[in-house]
Amino acid sequence: MHPAATAPDAGRPAAEPGRSCGRALALALAAAAAAIFAGVLGLTAQSARHQLSQDQLRGRTIAAVLTAPDTTRISAHVTGGGTATVVMSRHERALVFAAAGMHPLPASRCYELWLMGPGRDRPAGMLPDSWHGMTGPVEASGLTASDRLGLSVEPAGGSPHPTSAMIMEVAL
């Protein structure tokens, strides 16, 4: 055999047993990280599509209420400060709520809307944080003929039933 025709690894020191195991572990971890990252990207894209779909539905509901031929506009003062505006349509069985000048709440509390009718109060939506003193619009659907709209301060994340007094209440 000619000296130049030696095996490819002939001049290298033999690999340490732990070193090849470490390389394999690093490759396995990299592959797992790549799979997790791809999964997160897939979930993020799916979440974004779902959010867009929800926003489009919400936008259509708001537009239907605001352009309905039987639209009624109601203004109300909020105890503690602020003014609320409600635009509703009995035909659409829905309303749109917006407010201005309401006091910011601590992170542990939120403003929550209620549809209140005979024998039951049901959550109608939580107000988003205010932006330049304005909050909303929040849409609520499923109105019945005897409903009133209420607003209360609830624990962050909302509540299935009012836990405090209404700071605004209007007959619809």
C-alpha atoms as a PDB file:
ATOM      1  CA  MET A   1       0.000   0.000   0.000  1.00  0.00           C
ATOM      2  CA  HIS A   2       1.281   3.435  -0.931  1.00  0.00           C
ATOM      3  CA  PRO A   3       1.638   5.874   2.039  1.00  0.00           C
ATOM      4  CA  ALA A   4      -0.642   8.473   0.377  1.00  0.00           C
ATOM      5  CA  ALA A   5      -3.366   5.889   0.029  1.00  0.00           C
ATOM      6  CA  THR A   6      -3.966   5.545   3.755  1.00  0.00           C
ATOM      7  CA  ALA A   7      -7.426   5.360   5.301  1.00  0.00           C
ATOM      8  CA  PRO A   8      -9.183   8.744   5.715  1.00  0.00           C
ATOM      9  CA  ASP A   9      -8.993   8.682   9.521  1.00  0.00           C
ATOM     10  CA  ALA A  10      -5.425   7.430   9.659  1.00  0.00           C
ATOM     11  CA  GLY A  11      -3.895  10.731  10.870  1.00  0.00           C
ATOM     12  CA  ARG A  12      -6.625  11.632  13.397  1.00  0.00           C
ATOM     13  CA  PRO A  13      -6.697  10.585  16.986  1.00  0.00           C
ATOM     14  CA  ALA A  14      -9.417   8.102  17.856  1.00  0.00           C
ATOM     15  CA  ALA A  15     -12.679   9.757  18.998  1.00  0.00           C
ATOM     16  CA  GLU A  16     -13.327   9.678  22.699  1.00  0.00           C
ATOM     17  CA  PRO A  17     -16.370   7.529  23.539  1.00  0.00           C
ATOM     18  CA  GLY A  18     -18.094  10.364  25.486  1.00  0.00           C
ATOM     19  CA  ARG A  19     -17.464  12.857  22.714  1.00  0.00           C
ATOM     20  CA  SER A  20     -19.485  10.979  20.069  1.00  0.00           C
ATOM     21  CA  CYS A  21     -22.266  10.424  22.615  1.00  0.00           C
ATOM     22  CA  GLY A  22     -22.250  14.182  23.385  1.00  0.00           C
ATOM     23  CA  ARG A  23     -22.462  14.971  19.671  1.00  0.00           C
ATOM     24  CA  ALA A  24     -25.393  12.609  19.251  1.00  0.00           C
ATOM     25  CA  LEU A  25     -27.126  14.160  22.270  1.00  0.00           C
ATOM     26  CA  ALA A  26     -26.554  17.678  20.897  1.00  0.00           C
ATOM     27  CA  LEU A  27     -27.991  16.635  17.518  1.00  0.00           C
ATOM     28  CA  ALA A  28     -31.011  15.027  19.215  1.00  0.00           C
ATOM     29  CA  LEU A  29     -31.605  18.159  21.319  1.00  0.00           C
ATOM     30  CA  ALA A  30     -31.300  20.379  18.248  1.00  0.00           C
ATOM     31  CA  ALA A  31     -33.793  18.200  16.366  1.00  0.00           C
ATOM     32  CA  ALA A  32     -36.201  18.284  19.329  1.00  0.00           C
ATOM     33  CA  ALA A  33     -35.864  22.075  19.602  1.00  0.00           C
ATOM     34  CA  ALA A  34     -36.524  22.423  15.874  1.00  0.00           C
ATOM     35  CA  ALA A  35     -39.632  20.228  16.159  1.00  0.00           C
ATOM     36  CA  ILE A  36     -40.923  22.243  19.132  1.00  0.00           C
ATOM     37  CA  PHE A  37     -40.217  25.537  17.323  1.00  0.00           C
ATOM     38  CA  ALA A  38     -42.047  24.289  14.230  1.00  0.00           C
ATOM     39  CA  GLY A  39     -44.970  23.201  16.416  1.00  0.00           C
ATOM     40  CA  VAL A  40     -45.101  26.599  18.133  1.00  0.00           C
ATOM     41  CA  LEU A  41     -45.043  28.347  14.766  1.00  0.00           C
ATOM     42  CA  GLY A  42     -47.893  26.116  13.599  1.00  0.00           C
ATOM     43  CA  LEU A  43     -49.929  26.898  16.734  1.00  0.00           C
ATOM     44  CA  THR A  44     -49.127  30.590  16.429  1.00  0.00           C
ATOM     45  CA  ALA A  45     -50.316  30.642  12.817  1.00  0.00           C
ATOM     46  CA  GLN A  46     -53.434  28.691  13.794  1.00  0.00           C
ATOM     47  CA  SER A  47     -54.076  31.079  16.711  1.00  0.00           C
ATOM     48  CA  ALA A  48     -53.594  34.069  14.417  1.00  0.00           C
ATOM     49  CA  ARG A  49     -56.097  32.659  11.899  1.00  0.00           C
ATOM     50  CA  HIS A  50     -58.604  31.983  14.699  1.00  0.00           C
ATOM     51  CA  GLN A  51     -58.142  35.501  16.128  1.00  0.00           C
ATOM     52  CA  LEU A  52     -58.583  37.045  12.677  1.00  0.00           C
ATOM     53  CA  SER A  53     -61.750  35.017  12.151  1.00  0.00           C
ATOM     54  CA  GLN A  54     -63.102  36.144  15.553  1.00  0.00           C
ATOM     55  CA  ASP A  55     -62.222  39.786  14.812  1.00  0.00           C
ATOM     56  CA  GLN A  56     -63.966  39.595  11.427  1.00  0.00           C
ATOM     57  CA  LEU A  57     -67.099  38.109  13.012  1.00  0.00           C
ATOM     58  CA  ARG A  58     -67.034  40.790  15.723  1.00  0.00           C
ATOM     59  CA  GLY A  59     -66.621  43.492  13.064  1.00  0.00           C
ATOM     60  CA  ARG A  60     -69.598  42.157  11.080  1.00  0.00           C
ATOM     61  CA  THR A  61     -71.763  42.109  14.231  1.00  0.00           C
ATOM     62  CA  ILE A  62     -70.783  45.679  15.111  1.00  0.00           C
ATOM     63  CA  ALA A  63     -71.452  46.843  11.540  1.00  0.00           C
ATOM     64  CA  ALA A  64     -74.847  45.081  11.511  1.00  0.00           C
ATOM     65  CA  VAL A  65     -75.886  46.846  14.730  1.00  0.00           C
ATOM     66  CA  LEU A  66     -74.620  50.265  13.669  1.00  0.00           C
ATOM     67  CA  THR A  67     -76.341  50.105  10.281  1.00  0.00           C
ATOM     68  CA  ALA A  68     -79.605  48.448  11.362  1.00  0.00           C
ATOM     69  CA  PRO A  69     -82.738  50.445  10.486  1.00  0.00           C
ATOM     70  CA  ASP A  70     -84.022  50.270  14.083  1.00  0.00           C
ATOM     71  CA  THR A  71     -80.841  51.491  15.793  1.00  0.00           C
ATOM     72  CA  THR A  72     -81.330  53.226  19.147  1.00  0.00           C
ATOM     73  CA  ARG A  73     -78.615  55.233  20.908  1.00  0.00           C
ATOM     74  CA  ILE A  74     -78.532  55.504  24.714  1.00  0.00           C
ATOM     75  CA  SER A  75     -76.089  57.546  26.824  1.00  0.00           C
ATOM     76  CA  ALA A  76     -75.524  56.948  30.524  1.00  0.00           C
ATOM     77  CA  HIS A  77     -73.266  58.228  33.298  1.00  0.00           C
ATOM     78  CA  VAL A  78     -71.017  55.749  35.036  1.00  0.00           C
ATOM     79  CA  THR A  79     -70.819  56.018  38.830  1.00  0.00           C
ATOM     80  CA  GLY A  80     -67.279  57.034  39.711  1.00  0.00           C
ATOM     81  CA  GLY A  81     -66.713  58.843  36.425  1.00  0.00           C
ATOM     82  CA  GLY A  82     -67.203  58.361  32.743  1.00  0.00           C
ATOM     83  CA  THR A  83     -69.917  58.270  30.127  1.00  0.00           C
ATOM     84  CA  ALA A  84     -71.182  55.200  28.319  1.00  0.00           C
ATOM     85  CA  THR A  85     -72.789  55.026  24.898  1.00  0.00           C
ATOM     86  CA  VAL A  86     -74.898  52.061  23.859  1.00  0.00           C
ATOM     87  CA  VAL A  87     -76.111  51.541  20.311  1.00  0.00           C
ATOM     88  CA  MET A  88     -78.602  48.709  20.030  1.00  0.00           C
ATOM     89  CA  SER A  89     -80.829  47.008  17.516  1.00  0.00           C
ATOM     90  CA  ARG A  90     -83.754  44.834  18.550  1.00  0.00           C
ATOM     91  CA  HIS A  91     -83.870  43.430  15.020  1.00  0.00           C
ATOM     92  CA  GLU A  92     -80.242  42.261  15.342  1.00  0.00           C
ATOM     93  CA  ARG A  93     -80.801  41.331  19.021  1.00  0.00           C
ATOM     94  CA  ALA A  94     -77.440  42.956  19.731  1.00  0.00           C
ATOM     95  CA  LEU A  95     -75.786  46.092  21.068  1.00  0.00           C
ATOM     96  CA  VAL A  96     -72.463  47.886  20.892  1.00  0.00           C
ATOM     97  CA  PHE A  97     -71.029  49.508  24.029  1.00  0.00           C
ATOM     98  CA  ALA A  98     -68.294  52.164  24.263  1.00  0.00           C
ATOM     99  CA  ALA A  99     -67.258  54.456  27.100  1.00  0.00           C
ATOM    100  CA  ALA A 100     -65.076  57.487  27.735  1.00  0.00           C
ATOM    101  CA  GLY A 101     -63.502  58.898  30.861  1.00  0.00           C
ATOM    102  CA  MET A 102     -63.748  55.804  33.045  1.00  0.00           C
ATOM    103  CA  HIS A 103     -61.081  55.437  35.718  1.00  0.00           C
ATOM    104  CA  PRO A 104     -58.359  52.846  35.087  1.00  0.00           C
ATOM    105  CA  LEU A 105     -58.608  49.801  37.349  1.00  0.00           C
ATOM    106  CA  PRO A 106     -55.800  47.879  39.049  1.00  0.00           C
ATOM    107  CA  ALA A 107     -54.641  44.730  37.248  1.00  0.00           C
ATOM    108  CA  SER A 108     -56.634  42.607  39.709  1.00  0.00           C
ATOM    109  CA  ARG A 109     -59.984  44.101  38.563  1.00  0.00           C
ATOM    110  CA  CYS A 110     -61.904  44.580  35.293  1.00  0.00           C
ATOM    111  CA  TYR A 111     -65.072  46.230  34.012  1.00  0.00           C
ATOM    112  CA  GLU A 112     -67.701  43.683  32.971  1.00  0.00           C
ATOM    113  CA  LEU A 113     -70.990  44.163  31.104  1.00  0.00           C
ATOM    114  CA  TRP A 114     -74.146  42.252  32.045  1.00  0.00           C
ATOM    115  CA  LEU A 115     -77.411  41.534  30.295  1.00  0.00           C
ATOM    116  CA  MET A 116     -79.903  41.496  33.128  1.00  0.00           C
ATOM    117  CA  GLY A 117     -83.353  40.055  32.732  1.00  0.00           C
ATOM    118  CA  PRO A 118     -86.057  38.515  34.865  1.00  0.00           C
ATOM    119  CA  GLY A 119     -84.493  35.907  37.091  1.00  0.00           C
ATOM    120  CA  ARG A 120     -80.970  35.978  35.658  1.00  0.00           C
ATOM    121  CA  ASP A 121     -77.953  38.135  34.955  1.00  0.00           C
ATOM    122  CA  ARG A 122     -75.587  36.894  32.279  1.00  0.00           C
ATOM    123  CA  PRO A 123     -72.106  38.125  31.338  1.00  0.00           C
ATOM    124  CA  ALA A 124     -72.119  40.186  28.151  1.00  0.00           C
ATOM    125  CA  GLY A 125     -68.420  40.959  27.829  1.00  0.00           C
ATOM    126  CA  MET A 126     -65.437  42.502  29.512  1.00  0.00           C
ATOM    127  CA  LEU A 127     -64.236  45.948  28.576  1.00  0.00           C
ATOM    128  CA  PRO A 128     -60.737  46.172  27.149  1.00  0.00           C
ATOM    129  CA  ASP A 129     -58.241  48.526  28.753  1.00  0.00           C
ATOM    130  CA  SER A 130     -58.868  52.133  27.834  1.00  0.00           C
ATOM    131  CA  TRP A 131     -56.874  53.768  25.087  1.00  0.00           C
ATOM    132  CA  HIS A 132     -56.609  57.557  25.219  1.00  0.00           C
ATOM    133  CA  GLY A 133     -59.497  57.595  27.693  1.00  0.00           C
ATOM    134  CA  MET A 134     -61.795  55.502  25.484  1.00  0.00           C
ATOM    135  CA  THR A 135     -62.790  51.861  25.877  1.00  0.00           C
ATOM    136  CA  GLY A 136     -64.669  49.582  23.521  1.00  0.00           C
ATOM    137  CA  PRO A 137     -66.362  48.861  21.325  1.00  0.00           C
ATOM    138  CA  VAL A 138     -67.735  45.743  22.960  1.00  0.00           C
ATOM    139  CA  GLU A 139     -70.576  43.912  21.262  1.00  0.00           C
ATOM    140  CA  ALA A 140     -73.150  41.823  23.057  1.00  0.00           C
ATOM    141  CA  SER A 141     -75.742  39.652  21.356  1.00  0.00           C
ATOM    142  CA  GLY A 142     -78.738  37.610  22.394  1.00  0.00           C
ATOM    143  CA  LEU A 143     -80.820  40.513  23.704  1.00  0.00           C
ATOM    144  CA  THR A 144     -84.329  39.752  24.873  1.00  0.00           C
ATOM    145  CA  ALA A 145     -87.242  42.199  25.141  1.00  0.00           C
ATOM    146  CA  SER A 146     -86.953  42.650  28.916  1.00  0.00           C
ATOM    147  CA  ASP A 147     -83.144  42.975  29.199  1.00  0.00           C
ATOM    148  CA  ARG A 148     -81.290  45.808  30.902  1.00  0.00           C
ATOM    149  CA  LEU A 149     -77.575  46.473  30.493  1.00  0.00           C
ATOM    150  CA  GLY A 150     -75.385  46.745  33.573  1.00  0.00           C
ATOM    151  CA  LEU A 151     -71.722  47.464  34.201  1.00  0.00           C
ATOM    152  CA  SER A 152     -69.817  46.347  37.289  1.00  0.00           C
ATOM    153  CA  VAL A 153     -66.257  46.032  38.545  1.00  0.00           C
ATOM    154  CA  GLU A 154     -65.241  42.381  38.812  1.00  0.00           C
ATOM    155  CA  PRO A 155     -62.119  40.319  39.522  1.00  0.00           C
ATOM    156  CA  ALA A 156     -59.652  40.206  36.613  1.00  0.00           C
ATOM    157  CA  GLY A 157     -60.820  37.634  34.079  1.00  0.00           C
ATOM    158  CA  GLY A 158     -64.496  38.313  34.818  1.00  0.00           C
ATOM    159  CA  SER A 159     -67.120  36.515  36.809  1.00  0.00           C
ATOM    160  CA  PRO A 160     -70.096  34.256  35.963  1.00  0.00           C
ATOM    161  CA  HIS A 161     -72.330  36.427  38.194  1.00  0.00           C
ATOM    162  CA  PRO A 162     -71.980  40.034  39.379  1.00  0.00           C
ATOM    163  CA  THR A 163     -69.957  40.274  42.587  1.00  0.00           C
ATOM    164  CA  SER A 164     -70.360  44.023  43.109  1.00  0.00           C
ATOM    165  CA  ALA A 165     -72.990  46.707  42.681  1.00  0.00           C
ATOM    166  CA  MET A 166     -73.730  48.002  39.197  1.00  0.00           C
ATOM    167  CA  ILE A 167     -71.941  51.264  38.429  1.00  0.00           C
ATOM    168  CA  MET A 168     -74.172  51.807  35.398  1.00  0.00           C
ATOM    169  CA  GLU A 169     -77.545  50.368  34.472  1.00  0.00           C
ATOM    170  CA  VAL A 170     -79.763  51.212  31.489  1.00  0.00           C
ATOM    171  CA  ALA A 171     -83.082  49.896  30.289  1.00  0.00           C
ATOM    172  CA  LEU A 172     -82.854  48.616  26.755  1.00  0.00           C
END
